[in-house]
Amino acid sequence: MTLTERLVADEDARNWLLTARAQGIGAWRGRVTDVMRRWHLPEPAQELGQLGVTELLTNVTRHVADPECRLLLARLPELAIVQVLDRSSAFPVVGARPPDPEADAGRGLWLLSRMATDFGCFRHVWDDGTVGKSVWFAIRCGDDAEC
């Protein structure tokens, strides 16, 4: 089976179009956790998934004018990917050094970028032509473990 086929299979990917709202983030955190449990990810990986989806969706509610976004989860051999696509073309700023502990913002993505196996963002064009971005992170499933 090819990687593309693995990603298309229902058991290996989830894809939700949603409206990011602060009061709904807990429910999305729960959905991500449920999927990761079904994928048999170890508890530390599930916890990082919870932290990351909370941070990514919170950033949409705080920094993006249009709260419609897409949340994707994908299971690959040895990795799980969490990705949020939003309708803002402004990339988040994640510095190389720790942010000031007294700062009002900037700590969440910095921590996520350090805790995740990999982290990044890229431009995304929605079907209606809106230029947005995707912010994603990867979680290693565990030592010598497949997801």
C-alpha atoms as a PDB file:
ATOM      1  CA  MET A   1       0.000   0.000   0.000  1.00  0.00           C
ATOM      2  CA  THR A   2       1.386   3.450  -0.901  1.00  0.00           C
ATOM      3  CA  LEU A   3       1.627   6.359   1.516  1.00  0.00           C
ATOM      4  CA  THR A   4      -1.132   8.165  -0.410  1.00  0.00           C
ATOM      5  CA  GLU A   5      -3.435   5.188  -0.032  1.00  0.00           C
ATOM      6  CA  ARG A   6      -2.685   5.055   3.680  1.00  0.00           C
ATOM      7  CA  LEU A   7      -3.644   8.717   4.108  1.00  0.00           C
ATOM      8  CA  VAL A   8      -6.913   8.329   2.234  1.00  0.00           C
ATOM      9  CA  ALA A   9      -8.053   5.375   4.326  1.00  0.00           C
ATOM     10  CA  ASP A  10     -10.546   6.374   7.039  1.00  0.00           C
ATOM     11  CA  GLU A  11      -8.594   4.587   9.745  1.00  0.00           C
ATOM     12  CA  ASP A  12      -5.476   6.655   8.998  1.00  0.00           C
ATOM     13  CA  ALA A  13      -6.841  10.172   8.582  1.00  0.00           C
ATOM     14  CA  ARG A  14      -9.474  12.514   9.955  1.00  0.00           C
ATOM     15  CA  ASN A  15     -10.568  15.794   8.397  1.00  0.00           C
ATOM     16  CA  TRP A  16     -13.007  18.295   9.916  1.00  0.00           C
ATOM     17  CA  LEU A  17     -14.182  21.680   8.653  1.00  0.00           C
ATOM     18  CA  LEU A  18     -15.030  23.727  11.742  1.00  0.00           C
ATOM     19  CA  THR A  19     -15.549  27.187  13.143  1.00  0.00           C
ATOM     20  CA  ALA A  20     -12.943  27.830  15.825  1.00  0.00           C
ATOM     21  CA  ARG A  21     -14.533  29.182  19.000  1.00  0.00           C
ATOM     22  CA  ALA A  22     -12.893  29.399  22.401  1.00  0.00           C
ATOM     23  CA  GLN A  23     -15.764  27.540  24.094  1.00  0.00           C
ATOM     24  CA  GLY A  24     -15.508  24.632  21.637  1.00  0.00           C
ATOM     25  CA  ILE A  25     -11.794  23.914  21.851  1.00  0.00           C
ATOM     26  CA  GLY A  26     -12.221  21.387  24.655  1.00  0.00           C
ATOM     27  CA  ALA A  27     -14.543  19.311  22.480  1.00  0.00           C
ATOM     28  CA  TRP A  28     -12.009  19.299  19.624  1.00  0.00           C
ATOM     29  CA  ARG A  29      -9.262  18.347  22.063  1.00  0.00           C
ATOM     30  CA  GLY A  30     -11.466  15.421  23.088  1.00  0.00           C
ATOM     31  CA  ARG A  31     -12.007  14.321  19.485  1.00  0.00           C
ATOM     32  CA  VAL A  32      -8.279  14.381  18.789  1.00  0.00           C
ATOM     33  CA  THR A  33      -7.638  12.359  21.951  1.00  0.00           C
ATOM     34  CA  ASP A  34     -10.282   9.786  20.981  1.00  0.00           C
ATOM     35  CA  VAL A  35      -8.701   9.299  17.550  1.00  0.00           C
ATOM     36  CA  MET A  36      -5.196   9.020  19.012  1.00  0.00           C
ATOM     37  CA  ARG A  37      -6.414   6.422  21.509  1.00  0.00           C
ATOM     38  CA  ARG A  38      -7.964   4.396  18.693  1.00  0.00           C
ATOM     39  CA  TRP A  39      -4.617   4.621  16.916  1.00  0.00           C
ATOM     40  CA  HIS A  40      -2.971   3.254  20.098  1.00  0.00           C
ATOM     41  CA  LEU A  41      -0.627   6.207  20.481  1.00  0.00           C
ATOM     42  CA  PRO A  42       1.165   6.231  23.825  1.00  0.00           C
ATOM     43  CA  GLU A  43      -0.153   8.609  26.461  1.00  0.00           C
ATOM     44  CA  PRO A  44       2.666  11.185  26.084  1.00  0.00           C
ATOM     45  CA  ALA A  45       1.871  11.426  22.362  1.00  0.00           C
ATOM     46  CA  GLN A  46      -1.840  11.882  23.143  1.00  0.00           C
ATOM     47  CA  GLU A  47      -1.013  14.634  25.637  1.00  0.00           C
ATOM     48  CA  LEU A  48       1.124  16.450  23.081  1.00  0.00           C
ATOM     49  CA  GLY A  49      -1.721  16.131  20.566  1.00  0.00           C
ATOM     50  CA  GLN A  50      -4.097  17.692  23.104  1.00  0.00           C
ATOM     51  CA  LEU A  51      -1.701  20.549  23.851  1.00  0.00           C
ATOM     52  CA  GLY A  52      -1.005  21.184  20.182  1.00  0.00           C
ATOM     53  CA  VAL A  53      -4.593  21.191  18.931  1.00  0.00           C
ATOM     54  CA  THR A  54      -5.495  23.530  21.793  1.00  0.00           C
ATOM     55  CA  GLU A  55      -2.706  25.925  20.806  1.00  0.00           C
ATOM     56  CA  LEU A  56      -3.447  25.850  17.071  1.00  0.00           C
ATOM     57  CA  LEU A  57      -7.207  26.371  17.440  1.00  0.00           C
ATOM     58  CA  THR A  58      -6.722  29.040  20.113  1.00  0.00           C
ATOM     59  CA  ASN A  59      -4.464  30.921  17.722  1.00  0.00           C
ATOM     60  CA  VAL A  60      -7.204  30.840  15.079  1.00  0.00           C
ATOM     61  CA  THR A  61      -9.697  32.321  17.562  1.00  0.00           C
ATOM     62  CA  ARG A  62      -7.252  35.068  18.585  1.00  0.00           C
ATOM     63  CA  HIS A  63      -5.453  35.979  15.375  1.00  0.00           C
ATOM     64  CA  VAL A  64      -7.617  35.094  12.365  1.00  0.00           C
ATOM     65  CA  ALA A  65     -10.573  37.253  11.286  1.00  0.00           C
ATOM     66  CA  ASP A  66     -12.462  34.318   9.724  1.00  0.00           C
ATOM     67  CA  PRO A  67     -12.759  31.477  12.271  1.00  0.00           C
ATOM     68  CA  GLU A  68     -13.578  28.831   9.642  1.00  0.00           C
ATOM     69  CA  CYS A  69     -10.695  26.383   9.551  1.00  0.00           C
ATOM     70  CA  ARG A  70      -9.871  22.766   8.855  1.00  0.00           C
ATOM     71  CA  LEU A  71      -8.405  20.309  11.357  1.00  0.00           C
ATOM     72  CA  LEU A  72      -6.598  17.287   9.953  1.00  0.00           C
ATOM     73  CA  LEU A  73      -5.074  14.279  11.680  1.00  0.00           C
ATOM     74  CA  ALA A  74      -3.003  11.733   9.812  1.00  0.00           C
ATOM     75  CA  ARG A  75      -1.342   8.542  10.944  1.00  0.00           C
ATOM     76  CA  LEU A  76       1.863   7.522   9.230  1.00  0.00           C
ATOM     77  CA  PRO A  77       4.347   4.830  10.152  1.00  0.00           C
ATOM     78  CA  GLU A  78       5.978   6.057  13.381  1.00  0.00           C
ATOM     79  CA  LEU A  79       4.365   9.546  13.207  1.00  0.00           C
ATOM     80  CA  ALA A  80       1.056  11.265  13.747  1.00  0.00           C
ATOM     81  CA  ILE A  81       0.477  14.659  12.119  1.00  0.00           C
ATOM     82  CA  VAL A  82      -1.864  17.371  13.448  1.00  0.00           C
ATOM     83  CA  GLN A  83      -2.596  20.220  11.060  1.00  0.00           C
ATOM     84  CA  VAL A  84      -4.839  23.300  11.143  1.00  0.00           C
ATOM     85  CA  LEU A  85      -5.536  25.242   7.962  1.00  0.00           C
ATOM     86  CA  ASP A  86      -6.908  28.752   8.468  1.00  0.00           C
ATOM     87  CA  ARG A  87      -7.825  31.767   6.329  1.00  0.00           C
ATOM     88  CA  SER A  88      -4.993  34.098   7.329  1.00  0.00           C
ATOM     89  CA  SER A  89      -1.858  34.401   5.222  1.00  0.00           C
ATOM     90  CA  ALA A  90       0.141  35.762   8.179  1.00  0.00           C
ATOM     91  CA  PHE A  91       2.607  33.159   9.404  1.00  0.00           C
ATOM     92  CA  PRO A  92       3.101  32.805  13.142  1.00  0.00           C
ATOM     93  CA  VAL A  93       6.384  34.066  14.501  1.00  0.00           C
ATOM     94  CA  VAL A  94       8.224  31.376  16.423  1.00  0.00           C
ATOM     95  CA  GLY A  95      11.597  32.562  17.629  1.00  0.00           C
ATOM     96  CA  ALA A  96      14.724  30.491  18.079  1.00  0.00           C
ATOM     97  CA  ARG A  97      15.057  31.603  21.701  1.00  0.00           C
ATOM     98  CA  PRO A  98      12.572  31.163  24.524  1.00  0.00           C
ATOM     99  CA  PRO A  99      10.053  34.010  24.719  1.00  0.00           C
ATOM    100  CA  ASP A 100      10.009  36.368  27.686  1.00  0.00           C
ATOM    101  CA  PRO A 101       8.097  34.599  30.482  1.00  0.00           C
ATOM    102  CA  GLU A 102       6.289  37.886  31.192  1.00  0.00           C
ATOM    103  CA  ALA A 103       5.052  38.259  27.598  1.00  0.00           C
ATOM    104  CA  ASP A 104       1.326  38.043  26.956  1.00  0.00           C
ATOM    105  CA  ALA A 105       1.772  35.862  23.866  1.00  0.00           C
ATOM    106  CA  GLY A 106       4.284  33.778  21.969  1.00  0.00           C
ATOM    107  CA  ARG A 107       4.993  30.960  24.390  1.00  0.00           C
ATOM    108  CA  GLY A 108       2.541  28.325  23.145  1.00  0.00           C
ATOM    109  CA  LEU A 109       3.840  27.780  19.625  1.00  0.00           C
ATOM    110  CA  TRP A 110       7.430  28.086  20.809  1.00  0.00           C
ATOM    111  CA  LEU A 111       6.843  25.276  23.336  1.00  0.00           C
ATOM    112  CA  LEU A 112       4.975  23.190  20.774  1.00  0.00           C
ATOM    113  CA  SER A 113       7.788  23.615  18.242  1.00  0.00           C
ATOM    114  CA  ARG A 114      10.261  22.321  20.831  1.00  0.00           C
ATOM    115  CA  MET A 115       8.147  19.424  22.103  1.00  0.00           C
ATOM    116  CA  ALA A 116       6.984  18.098  18.731  1.00  0.00           C
ATOM    117  CA  THR A 117       9.089  15.843  16.524  1.00  0.00           C
ATOM    118  CA  ASP A 118       8.688  18.411  13.750  1.00  0.00           C
ATOM    119  CA  PHE A 119       6.769  21.663  13.303  1.00  0.00           C
ATOM    120  CA  GLY A 120       6.086  24.020  10.434  1.00  0.00           C
ATOM    121  CA  CYS A 121       3.754  26.123   8.352  1.00  0.00           C
ATOM    122  CA  PHE A 122       3.112  26.759   4.684  1.00  0.00           C
ATOM    123  CA  ARG A 123       0.732  28.691   2.436  1.00  0.00           C
ATOM    124  CA  HIS A 124      -2.601  27.132   1.573  1.00  0.00           C
ATOM    125  CA  VAL A 125      -5.182  28.220  -1.004  1.00  0.00           C
ATOM    126  CA  TRP A 126      -8.807  27.435  -0.191  1.00  0.00           C
ATOM    127  CA  ASP A 127     -11.276  26.337  -2.876  1.00  0.00           C
ATOM    128  CA  ASP A 128     -12.720  29.872  -2.980  1.00  0.00           C
ATOM    129  CA  GLY A 129      -9.268  31.338  -3.723  1.00  0.00           C
ATOM    130  CA  THR A 130      -8.601  32.661  -0.219  1.00  0.00           C
ATOM    131  CA  VAL A 131      -4.905  32.455   0.605  1.00  0.00           C
ATOM    132  CA  GLY A 132      -4.366  31.079   4.072  1.00  0.00           C
ATOM    133  CA  LYS A 133      -1.864  28.927   5.849  1.00  0.00           C
ATOM    134  CA  SER A 134      -1.392  25.529   7.377  1.00  0.00           C
ATOM    135  CA  VAL A 135       0.311  25.139  10.735  1.00  0.00           C
ATOM    136  CA  TRP A 136       1.239  21.563  11.595  1.00  0.00           C
ATOM    137  CA  PHE A 137       3.248  19.429  13.959  1.00  0.00           C
ATOM    138  CA  ALA A 138       4.378  15.827  14.017  1.00  0.00           C
ATOM    139  CA  ILE A 139       4.402  13.483  16.989  1.00  0.00           C
ATOM    140  CA  ARG A 140       6.633  10.432  17.116  1.00  0.00           C
ATOM    141  CA  CYS A 141       4.536   7.508  18.263  1.00  0.00           C
ATOM    142  CA  GLY A 142       7.167   6.111  20.562  1.00  0.00           C
ATOM    143  CA  ASP A 143      10.487   4.310  20.575  1.00  0.00           C
ATOM    144  CA  ASP A 144      10.442   1.877  17.646  1.00  0.00           C
ATOM    145  CA  ALA A 145       6.638   1.958  17.662  1.00  0.00           C
ATOM    146  CA  GLU A 146       4.293   2.377  14.744  1.00  0.00           C
ATOM    147  CA  CYS A 147       1.182   4.468  15.143  1.00  0.00           C
END
